[in-house]
Amino acid sequence: MAVFKVTGGCRMAGEIVPQGAKNEALQILCAVLLTPDKVTVRNVPAILDVNNLILLLQNMGVHVEKQGEGVYIFQAADVDLDYLKTVEFQKKASALRGSVMIVGPLLARFGYGYMPRPGGDKIGRRRLDTHFIGFRNLGATFSYNADDYFYTVEASHLQGAYMLLDEASVTGTANIVMAAVMAHGITTIYNAACEPYVQQLCRMLNRMGAKISGVGSNLLTIEGVERLGGTDHIILPDMIEVGSFIGMAAMTRSELTVKNVSYGNLGIIPDQFARLGIALEQRGDDIYVPAQEHYEIESFIDGSIMTIADAPWPGLTPDLLSVFLVVATQAKGTVLIHQKMFESRLFFVDKLIDMGAQIILCDPHRATVIGHDHRFTLRAARMSSPDIRAGIALLIAAMSAEGTSYIHHIDQIDRGYQHIDRRLNALGARIERVGE
């Protein structure tokens, strides 16, 4: 297993282009199962989670043709449904959480789907109830074999229905939408997730012949159709990478331009970085981050301590909380980071504390960060990446630290960030991929 050897204290300069959005790609690639026609997908990120999903689709009988860097043609004309019952499928699908979104398309097109309990980041409970309650609302039957952790959904036909989701789950919304597009009648989904990724999926499905209205809101109305056709789709830039690069620039006091960010789809992200005192400038569809020796955390109007918390879109995505937390360690001032969604996502802060950060972990969901204002530099350390987003936060910390740090389990970072070492080294970072 490879390790990152990171020489801290290197300032970067230049331009960087974000990869295609990981979370969108996982939804879009599952949606190709809805049609026997060709679907072309562009700006596909070359990351482990996406590559593994493409391999899984190939094993299911989907014809995959790579046309160029990040461009694939998919054709699910001959899906091997028997493969879903094999031990090999169970092993491969259970290692990839995004694979749960193949169930909705399979249910819509073939009337049944099988799915082992998916894996993914160990960041706390990540229940799937919303997905399966939605399928049952459409008329499917659901069963779960606790002995082999296998989910089964079946339906002779799906019938549109009104449903109020118990949580605005992004993957749950995507899965239910894909199941409903070929159901009989009208489906209404209230409290639907409305992230740009879900909007992109809905627009793609509409181009394929679906009839989805309310895109961009939390109330989706879907009129079922008999068949979907092929289309051509371009994946958005990854907003999590964009935010990660802004955080890197601030922590390492570097001057960076993040190119082609699809600024209108970043939502509140730029404003939240501004609350930490980080200067950034929109230049067309680019973000320019100047080199800053200091950045000061704002307080609320009444003088109380700033709180940065995740929330359903258009609130702040929880995937960036780890980055905000590590960036705050070198700000001037104090901030409360409140991770509402996952109760284990802040447990990586003990590694930052070992590096000299001043952080009080109040409880599994909240951490208070007292920034050093660059008066004290973090110490180099040997650490392990527990999940994708904590992994990039630890990499940012190591890049700003004094000395040489080692980050183990970097496959977690590779799951979400494309060739991150090579791309950052081109800007002046010193990250070496070495054997363990």
Protein backbone atom coordinates (compact mmCIF):
# COMPACT_ATOMS: atom_id res chain seq x y z
CA MET A 1 0.00 0.00 0.00
CA ALA A 2 1.43 3.37 -1.04
CA VAL A 3 2.12 6.24 1.36
CA PHE A 4 2.33 9.99 0.77
CA LYS A 5 5.61 11.52 1.89
CA VAL A 6 4.82 15.22 2.20
CA THR A 7 7.43 17.93 2.61
CA GLY A 8 5.64 20.82 4.27
CA GLY A 9 6.13 24.53 3.92
CA CYS A 10 6.15 24.65 0.12
CA ARG A 11 4.19 27.49 -1.40
CA MET A 12 2.32 26.80 -4.61
CA ALA A 13 1.52 29.06 -7.54
CA GLY A 14 -0.33 28.67 -10.81
CA GLU A 15 -3.58 27.33 -12.20
CA ILE A 16 -5.43 24.09 -11.58
CA VAL A 17 -8.55 22.61 -13.17
CA PRO A 18 -10.94 20.63 -10.94
CA GLN A 19 -11.87 17.10 -11.94
CA GLY A 20 -15.38 15.98 -12.81
CA ALA A 21 -17.67 15.69 -9.79
CA LYS A 22 -17.36 12.33 -8.05
CA ASN A 23 -20.84 12.39 -6.50
CA GLU A 24 -22.48 13.28 -9.79
CA ALA A 25 -20.51 10.66 -11.74
CA LEU A 26 -21.71 7.83 -9.50
CA GLN A 27 -25.36 8.78 -10.13
CA ILE A 28 -24.93 9.34 -13.87
CA LEU A 29 -23.11 6.05 -14.45
CA CYS A 30 -25.86 4.10 -12.68
CA ALA A 31 -28.46 5.84 -14.85
CA VAL A 32 -27.03 4.28 -18.04
CA LEU A 33 -28.79 1.07 -16.94
CA LEU A 34 -32.15 2.70 -17.70
CA THR A 35 -31.80 2.38 -21.49
CA PRO A 36 -30.49 -0.11 -24.04
CA ASP A 37 -29.28 2.83 -26.14
CA LYS A 38 -25.84 4.45 -26.10
CA VAL A 39 -25.10 7.07 -23.46
CA THR A 40 -22.00 9.25 -23.78
CA VAL A 41 -20.62 10.73 -20.54
CA ARG A 42 -17.89 13.38 -20.53
CA ASN A 43 -15.60 14.76 -17.81
CA VAL A 44 -15.61 11.43 -15.94
CA PRO A 45 -13.03 11.64 -13.12
CA ALA A 46 -10.29 8.99 -13.05
CA ILE A 47 -10.70 8.10 -9.37
CA LEU A 48 -10.97 4.73 -7.65
CA ASP A 49 -14.67 4.86 -6.78
CA VAL A 50 -15.68 5.79 -10.32
CA ASN A 51 -13.27 3.33 -11.95
CA ASN A 52 -14.61 0.54 -9.74
CA LEU A 53 -18.21 1.39 -10.67
CA ILE A 54 -17.31 1.30 -14.37
CA LEU A 55 -15.75 -2.15 -13.88
CA LEU A 56 -18.87 -3.30 -12.03
CA LEU A 57 -21.08 -2.13 -14.91
CA GLN A 58 -18.84 -3.99 -17.36
CA ASN A 59 -19.15 -7.15 -15.30
CA MET A 60 -22.93 -6.73 -15.42
CA GLY A 61 -22.79 -6.82 -19.21
CA VAL A 62 -22.74 -3.09 -19.98
CA HIS A 63 -20.58 -2.36 -23.03
CA VAL A 64 -18.08 0.37 -22.13
CA GLU A 65 -15.95 2.19 -24.67
CA LYS A 66 -13.39 4.79 -23.60
CA GLN A 67 -13.17 7.46 -26.30
CA GLY A 68 -10.63 9.77 -24.71
CA GLU A 69 -9.56 11.34 -21.44
CA GLY A 70 -12.68 11.29 -19.28
CA VAL A 71 -15.04 10.38 -22.16
CA TYR A 72 -16.94 7.08 -22.15
CA ILE A 73 -19.75 5.54 -24.17
CA PHE A 74 -22.00 3.12 -22.25
CA GLN A 75 -24.58 0.74 -23.72
CA ALA A 76 -26.63 -1.43 -21.39
CA ALA A 77 -28.32 -3.48 -24.13
CA ASP A 78 -27.45 -6.89 -22.67
CA VAL A 79 -27.46 -6.65 -18.88
CA ASP A 80 -26.62 -9.96 -17.21
CA LEU A 81 -29.14 -10.08 -14.37
CA ASP A 82 -27.87 -13.48 -13.21
CA TYR A 83 -24.54 -11.84 -12.36
CA LEU A 84 -26.33 -9.91 -9.59
CA LYS A 85 -26.75 -13.18 -7.67
CA THR A 86 -23.07 -14.16 -7.77
CA VAL A 87 -20.52 -14.04 -4.97
CA GLU A 88 -18.29 -11.91 -7.20
CA PHE A 89 -21.00 -9.25 -7.56
CA GLN A 90 -21.61 -9.29 -3.83
CA LYS A 91 -17.92 -8.74 -3.12
CA LYS A 92 -17.40 -5.97 -5.67
CA ALA A 93 -20.63 -4.07 -5.03
CA SER A 94 -20.29 -4.20 -1.25
CA ALA A 95 -16.93 -2.42 -1.51
CA LEU A 96 -18.50 0.60 -3.24
CA ARG A 97 -21.23 2.61 -1.57
CA GLY A 98 -22.29 4.36 -4.77
CA SER A 99 -23.30 1.00 -6.23
CA VAL A 100 -26.55 1.17 -4.24
CA MET A 101 -27.85 3.49 -6.97
CA ILE A 102 -27.99 0.65 -9.50
CA VAL A 103 -31.10 -0.66 -7.69
CA GLY A 104 -33.46 2.10 -8.87
CA PRO A 105 -32.60 1.73 -12.57
CA LEU A 106 -32.75 -2.09 -12.39
CA LEU A 107 -36.11 -1.95 -10.65
CA ALA A 108 -37.50 0.48 -13.24
CA ARG A 109 -36.30 -1.41 -16.29
CA PHE A 110 -36.30 -5.07 -15.25
CA GLY A 111 -38.63 -5.25 -12.26
CA TYR A 112 -36.10 -6.32 -9.66
CA GLY A 113 -32.73 -5.51 -8.22
CA TYR A 114 -30.28 -7.09 -5.81
CA MET A 115 -27.74 -5.29 -3.70
CA PRO A 116 -25.32 -6.28 -0.94
CA ARG A 117 -24.94 -3.89 1.95
CA PRO A 118 -22.57 -1.27 0.52
CA GLY A 119 -19.33 -0.14 2.09
CA GLY A 120 -17.72 3.29 1.78
CA ASP A 121 -16.29 5.72 4.31
CA LYS A 122 -16.45 4.85 8.01
CA ILE A 123 -17.94 8.17 9.05
CA GLY A 124 -20.91 7.00 11.09
CA ARG A 125 -24.32 5.53 10.36
CA ARG A 126 -25.37 5.81 6.72
CA ARG A 127 -28.77 4.20 6.63
CA LEU A 128 -30.52 3.22 3.42
CA ASP A 129 -34.10 3.34 4.71
CA THR A 130 -35.00 6.35 2.54
CA HIS A 131 -34.12 4.42 -0.63
CA PHE A 132 -36.18 1.35 0.17
CA ILE A 133 -39.15 3.20 1.67
CA GLY A 134 -39.29 5.12 -1.61
CA PHE A 135 -39.26 1.90 -3.64
CA ARG A 136 -42.05 0.47 -1.49
CA ASN A 137 -44.09 3.64 -2.03
CA LEU A 138 -43.85 2.87 -5.75
CA GLY A 139 -45.23 -0.62 -5.17
CA ALA A 140 -42.06 -2.70 -4.84
CA THR A 141 -41.59 -5.39 -2.23
CA PHE A 142 -38.43 -5.27 -0.16
CA SER A 143 -36.56 -7.94 1.75
CA TYR A 144 -33.26 -8.04 3.60
CA ASN A 145 -31.28 -11.19 4.35
CA ALA A 146 -29.39 -10.47 7.55
CA ASP A 147 -27.22 -13.59 7.12
CA ASP A 148 -25.50 -12.42 3.95
CA TYR A 149 -26.41 -8.70 4.17
CA PHE A 150 -28.32 -8.81 0.88
CA TYR A 151 -31.15 -6.48 -0.16
CA THR A 152 -33.79 -7.50 -2.71
CA VAL A 153 -36.47 -5.32 -4.31
CA GLU A 154 -39.05 -6.62 -6.77
CA ALA A 155 -42.13 -5.29 -8.56
CA SER A 156 -44.29 -6.62 -11.38
CA HIS A 157 -44.97 -2.97 -12.18
CA LEU A 158 -44.28 0.33 -10.44
CA GLN A 159 -47.08 2.79 -9.73
CA GLY A 160 -46.53 6.51 -9.24
CA ALA A 161 -47.24 7.82 -5.75
CA TYR A 162 -46.89 10.83 -3.47
CA MET A 163 -44.10 10.54 -0.93
CA LEU A 164 -42.55 12.77 1.70
CA LEU A 165 -38.95 11.67 2.22
CA ASP A 166 -37.89 11.28 5.85
CA GLU A 167 -34.57 12.95 4.97
CA ALA A 168 -33.32 14.90 1.97
CA SER A 169 -30.94 12.12 0.99
CA VAL A 170 -28.97 12.85 -2.19
CA THR A 171 -28.42 9.21 -3.16
CA GLY A 172 -31.89 8.29 -1.93
CA THR A 173 -33.50 10.99 -4.08
CA ALA A 174 -31.44 9.93 -7.11
CA ASN A 175 -32.34 6.26 -6.64
CA ILE A 176 -36.06 6.93 -6.24
CA VAL A 177 -36.13 9.31 -9.22
CA MET A 178 -34.48 6.68 -11.43
CA ALA A 179 -37.04 4.09 -10.28
CA ALA A 180 -39.97 6.45 -10.85
CA VAL A 181 -39.17 7.67 -14.38
CA MET A 182 -40.76 4.56 -15.92
CA ALA A 183 -43.48 3.96 -13.31
CA HIS A 184 -47.15 4.19 -14.29
CA GLY A 185 -48.74 7.54 -13.50
CA ILE A 186 -47.43 10.50 -11.52
CA THR A 187 -44.83 10.40 -8.76
CA THR A 188 -44.42 13.36 -6.41
CA ILE A 189 -41.33 13.51 -4.20
CA TYR A 190 -41.38 16.13 -1.43
CA ASN A 191 -38.30 16.93 0.67
CA ALA A 192 -36.21 15.78 -2.28
CA ALA A 193 -32.52 16.62 -2.29
CA CYS A 194 -31.84 19.43 -4.75
CA GLU A 195 -28.02 19.47 -4.97
CA PRO A 196 -26.57 20.35 -8.39
CA TYR A 197 -25.72 16.65 -8.80
CA VAL A 198 -29.39 15.68 -8.52
CA GLN A 199 -30.32 18.53 -10.87
CA GLN A 200 -27.80 17.22 -13.38
CA LEU A 201 -29.24 13.71 -13.14
CA CYS A 202 -32.78 14.99 -13.68
CA ARG A 203 -31.76 17.06 -16.70
CA MET A 204 -29.96 14.07 -18.18
CA LEU A 205 -33.02 11.86 -17.66
CA ASN A 206 -35.24 14.49 -19.29
CA ARG A 207 -32.97 14.50 -22.33
CA MET A 208 -33.39 10.71 -22.40
CA GLY A 209 -37.18 11.15 -22.57
CA ALA A 210 -38.21 11.35 -18.91
CA LYS A 211 -40.74 13.93 -17.74
CA ILE A 212 -39.42 15.47 -14.52
CA SER A 213 -40.51 18.92 -13.35
CA GLY A 214 -39.47 20.95 -10.33
CA VAL A 215 -35.77 20.37 -11.01
CA GLY A 216 -33.70 22.46 -8.59
CA SER A 217 -36.42 22.48 -5.90
CA ASN A 218 -37.28 20.05 -3.11
CA LEU A 219 -40.56 19.11 -4.82
CA LEU A 220 -40.14 16.87 -7.85
CA THR A 221 -43.00 15.69 -10.05
CA ILE A 222 -42.35 12.76 -12.38
CA GLU A 223 -44.69 11.58 -15.10
CA GLY A 224 -43.76 8.02 -15.97
CA VAL A 225 -42.81 7.09 -19.53
CA GLU A 226 -42.52 3.69 -21.20
CA ARG A 227 -38.96 3.97 -22.46
CA LEU A 228 -35.82 6.08 -22.20
CA GLY A 229 -33.26 6.62 -24.96
CA GLY A 230 -29.62 7.59 -25.20
CA THR A 231 -28.05 11.00 -24.60
CA ASP A 232 -24.81 12.93 -24.22
CA HIS A 233 -23.93 14.29 -20.77
CA ILE A 234 -21.16 16.48 -19.33
CA ILE A 235 -20.36 16.10 -15.62
CA LEU A 236 -19.94 19.29 -13.57
CA PRO A 237 -16.61 20.26 -11.96
CA ASP A 238 -16.25 18.78 -8.48
CA MET A 239 -17.26 21.42 -5.94
CA ILE A 240 -15.47 19.48 -3.18
CA GLU A 241 -12.20 19.67 -5.09
CA VAL A 242 -12.76 23.38 -5.71
CA GLY A 243 -13.22 23.93 -1.98
CA SER A 244 -10.21 21.75 -1.18
CA PHE A 245 -7.99 23.85 -3.47
CA ILE A 246 -9.21 27.09 -1.85
CA GLY A 247 -8.35 25.62 1.55
CA MET A 248 -4.91 24.48 0.36
CA ALA A 249 -4.11 27.94 -0.96
CA ALA A 250 -5.05 29.57 2.36
CA MET A 251 -3.16 27.09 4.56
CA THR A 252 0.04 27.16 2.48
CA ARG A 253 -0.18 30.92 1.80
CA SER A 254 -0.16 30.21 -1.92
CA GLU A 255 -1.49 32.10 -4.93
CA LEU A 256 -3.78 29.84 -6.94
CA THR A 257 -6.34 30.16 -9.69
CA VAL A 258 -8.94 27.39 -9.82
CA LYS A 259 -10.17 27.23 -13.41
CA ASN A 260 -13.62 26.46 -14.82
CA VAL A 261 -15.37 25.92 -11.49
CA SER A 262 -19.00 26.35 -12.66
CA TYR A 263 -19.29 29.18 -10.14
CA GLY A 264 -23.08 29.29 -10.20
CA ASN A 265 -23.19 25.71 -8.91
CA LEU A 266 -20.92 26.33 -5.90
CA GLY A 267 -23.74 27.76 -3.81
CA ILE A 268 -22.67 29.03 -0.40
CA ILE A 269 -19.11 27.62 -0.55
CA PRO A 270 -17.26 30.84 -1.52
CA ASP A 271 -19.17 32.87 1.10
CA GLN A 272 -18.30 30.36 3.83
CA PHE A 273 -14.60 30.59 3.03
CA ALA A 274 -14.97 34.37 3.22
CA ARG A 275 -16.32 33.92 6.76
CA LEU A 276 -12.95 32.40 7.66
CA GLY A 277 -11.32 35.55 6.29
CA ILE A 278 -10.03 33.95 3.11
CA ALA A 279 -9.90 36.38 0.21
CA LEU A 280 -11.02 35.02 -3.13
CA GLU A 281 -12.17 36.63 -6.32
CA GLN A 282 -14.48 35.41 -9.05
CA ARG A 283 -12.92 35.98 -12.45
CA GLY A 284 -15.41 34.82 -15.02
CA ASP A 285 -15.83 31.12 -14.24
CA ASP A 286 -12.52 30.96 -12.35
CA ILE A 287 -11.68 31.58 -8.68
CA TYR A 288 -8.50 33.50 -7.88
CA VAL A 289 -7.05 33.04 -4.38
CA PRO A 290 -4.22 35.46 -3.56
CA ALA A 291 -1.35 34.55 -1.24
CA GLN A 292 -2.37 35.59 2.27
CA GLU A 293 -0.07 35.79 5.27
CA HIS A 294 -3.07 36.00 7.60
CA TYR A 295 -6.82 35.42 7.49
CA GLU A 296 -9.21 36.30 10.30
CA ILE A 297 -12.43 34.49 11.21
CA GLU A 298 -15.50 36.71 11.28
CA SER A 299 -17.87 36.76 14.23
CA PHE A 300 -21.64 37.01 14.04
CA ILE A 301 -23.28 40.45 14.17
CA ASP A 302 -23.94 40.10 17.90
CA GLY A 303 -20.27 39.28 18.51
CA SER A 304 -20.80 35.57 19.15
CA ILE A 305 -18.38 32.91 17.87
CA MET A 306 -18.74 31.98 14.23
CA THR A 307 -20.35 28.60 13.55
CA ILE A 308 -19.87 26.74 10.29
CA ALA A 309 -22.30 23.86 9.90
CA ASP A 310 -23.44 21.54 7.14
CA ALA A 311 -27.01 21.60 5.86
CA PRO A 312 -29.07 20.24 2.96
CA TRP A 313 -28.53 22.16 -0.28
CA PRO A 314 -28.40 25.11 -0.72
CA GLY A 315 -26.67 24.88 2.66
CA LEU A 316 -23.03 23.87 3.01
CA THR A 317 -22.15 20.37 1.84
CA PRO A 318 -20.93 18.11 4.69
CA ASP A 319 -18.12 16.86 2.45
CA LEU A 320 -16.24 20.15 2.98
CA LEU A 321 -16.47 20.37 6.78
CA SER A 322 -13.14 18.55 7.21
CA VAL A 323 -11.45 21.09 4.94
CA PHE A 324 -12.97 24.06 6.79
CA LEU A 325 -11.83 22.59 10.08
CA VAL A 326 -8.19 22.16 9.08
CA VAL A 327 -8.07 25.60 7.41
CA ALA A 328 -9.35 27.18 10.63
CA THR A 329 -6.34 25.85 12.56
CA GLN A 330 -4.18 28.60 11.03
CA ALA A 331 -6.78 31.38 11.01
CA LYS A 332 -6.93 34.24 13.51
CA GLY A 333 -9.86 33.68 15.82
CA THR A 334 -12.16 30.88 16.92
CA VAL A 335 -14.84 28.92 15.09
CA LEU A 336 -17.24 26.13 15.98
CA ILE A 337 -17.41 23.41 13.31
CA HIS A 338 -20.73 21.56 13.54
CA GLN A 339 -20.95 18.35 11.51
CA LYS A 340 -24.62 17.46 11.84
CA MET A 341 -24.93 14.53 9.47
CA PHE A 342 -22.23 12.00 10.43
CA GLU A 343 -21.24 11.28 14.00
CA SER A 344 -17.78 9.86 13.26
CA ARG A 345 -16.50 12.34 10.70
CA LEU A 346 -14.68 14.60 13.18
CA PHE A 347 -12.68 11.86 14.86
CA PHE A 348 -9.66 12.61 12.67
CA VAL A 349 -9.03 15.80 14.69
CA ASP A 350 -6.86 13.87 17.15
CA LYS A 351 -4.26 13.70 14.38
CA LEU A 352 -4.39 17.48 13.96
CA ILE A 353 -4.07 17.92 17.73
CA ASP A 354 -0.93 15.75 17.62
CA MET A 355 0.41 18.16 15.00
CA GLY A 356 -0.11 21.09 17.37
CA ALA A 357 -3.55 22.32 16.37
CA GLN A 358 -5.73 23.83 19.10
CA ILE A 359 -8.99 21.95 18.82
CA ILE A 360 -11.56 20.96 21.42
CA LEU A 361 -13.71 18.04 20.31
CA CYS A 362 -16.91 18.95 22.14
CA ASP A 363 -18.81 15.81 21.10
CA PRO A 364 -18.96 13.56 18.01
CA HIS A 365 -20.62 16.35 16.01
CA ARG A 366 -18.90 19.55 17.17
CA ALA A 367 -15.34 20.82 17.40
CA THR A 368 -14.09 24.23 18.50
CA VAL A 369 -10.98 25.42 16.65
CA ILE A 370 -8.73 28.14 18.05
CA GLY A 371 -6.58 29.32 15.17
CA HIS A 372 -2.82 29.89 15.38
CA ASP A 373 -2.84 32.82 12.92
CA HIS A 374 0.35 31.27 11.46
CA ARG A 375 2.21 32.26 14.67
CA PHE A 376 2.84 28.57 15.26
CA THR A 377 3.39 26.07 12.46
CA LEU A 378 1.86 22.62 12.65
CA ARG A 379 4.35 19.82 13.30
CA ALA A 380 5.01 17.07 10.80
CA ALA A 381 3.50 13.72 11.74
CA ARG A 382 2.85 10.17 10.64
CA MET A 383 -0.87 9.60 10.19
CA SER A 384 -3.48 7.48 8.45
CA SER A 385 -6.38 8.60 6.26
CA PRO A 386 -9.70 7.32 7.72
CA ASP A 387 -11.93 8.51 4.86
CA ILE A 388 -11.81 10.53 1.65
CA ARG A 389 -12.51 13.97 3.08
CA ALA A 390 -10.46 13.58 6.25
CA GLY A 391 -7.68 12.32 3.98
CA ILE A 392 -7.56 15.54 1.96
CA ALA A 393 -7.75 17.58 5.18
CA LEU A 394 -4.72 15.72 6.56
CA LEU A 395 -2.89 16.28 3.28
CA ILE A 396 -3.58 20.02 3.56
CA ALA A 397 -2.28 19.97 7.14
CA ALA A 398 0.88 18.11 6.08
CA MET A 399 1.49 20.56 3.22
CA SER A 400 1.46 23.46 5.69
CA ALA A 401 3.43 21.71 8.45
CA GLU A 402 7.10 22.09 9.28
CA GLY A 403 9.07 18.99 8.28
CA THR A 404 8.16 15.76 6.51
CA SER A 405 4.86 13.98 7.14
CA TYR A 406 3.74 10.52 6.10
CA ILE A 407 0.11 9.72 5.28
CA HIS A 408 -0.90 6.05 5.16
CA HIS A 409 -4.01 4.53 3.55
CA ILE A 410 -3.88 7.04 0.70
CA ASP A 411 -6.18 4.78 -1.30
CA GLN A 412 -8.90 6.66 0.62
CA ILE A 413 -7.70 9.92 -0.96
CA ASP A 414 -7.38 8.24 -4.39
CA ARG A 415 -11.05 7.24 -4.13
CA GLY A 416 -12.06 10.87 -4.49
CA TYR A 417 -9.16 12.90 -5.89
CA GLN A 418 -7.68 12.32 -9.33
CA HIS A 419 -3.85 12.13 -9.49
CA ILE A 420 -3.77 14.63 -6.63
CA ASP A 421 -0.03 14.33 -5.97
CA ARG A 422 0.98 14.94 -9.59
CA ARG A 423 -1.39 17.88 -10.03
CA LEU A 424 -0.25 19.62 -6.84
CA ASN A 425 3.44 18.94 -7.47
CA ALA A 426 3.06 20.75 -10.79
CA LEU A 427 2.17 23.84 -8.74
CA GLY A 428 5.13 23.58 -6.37
CA ALA A 429 4.01 21.09 -3.70
CA ARG A 430 6.34 18.25 -2.67
CA ILE A 431 4.29 15.09 -2.37
CA GLU A 432 5.96 11.78 -3.05
CA ARG A 433 4.13 8.46 -3.44
CA VAL A 434 6.30 5.82 -1.79
CA GLY A 435 5.97 2.18 -0.77
CA GLU A 436 4.85 1.43 2.76
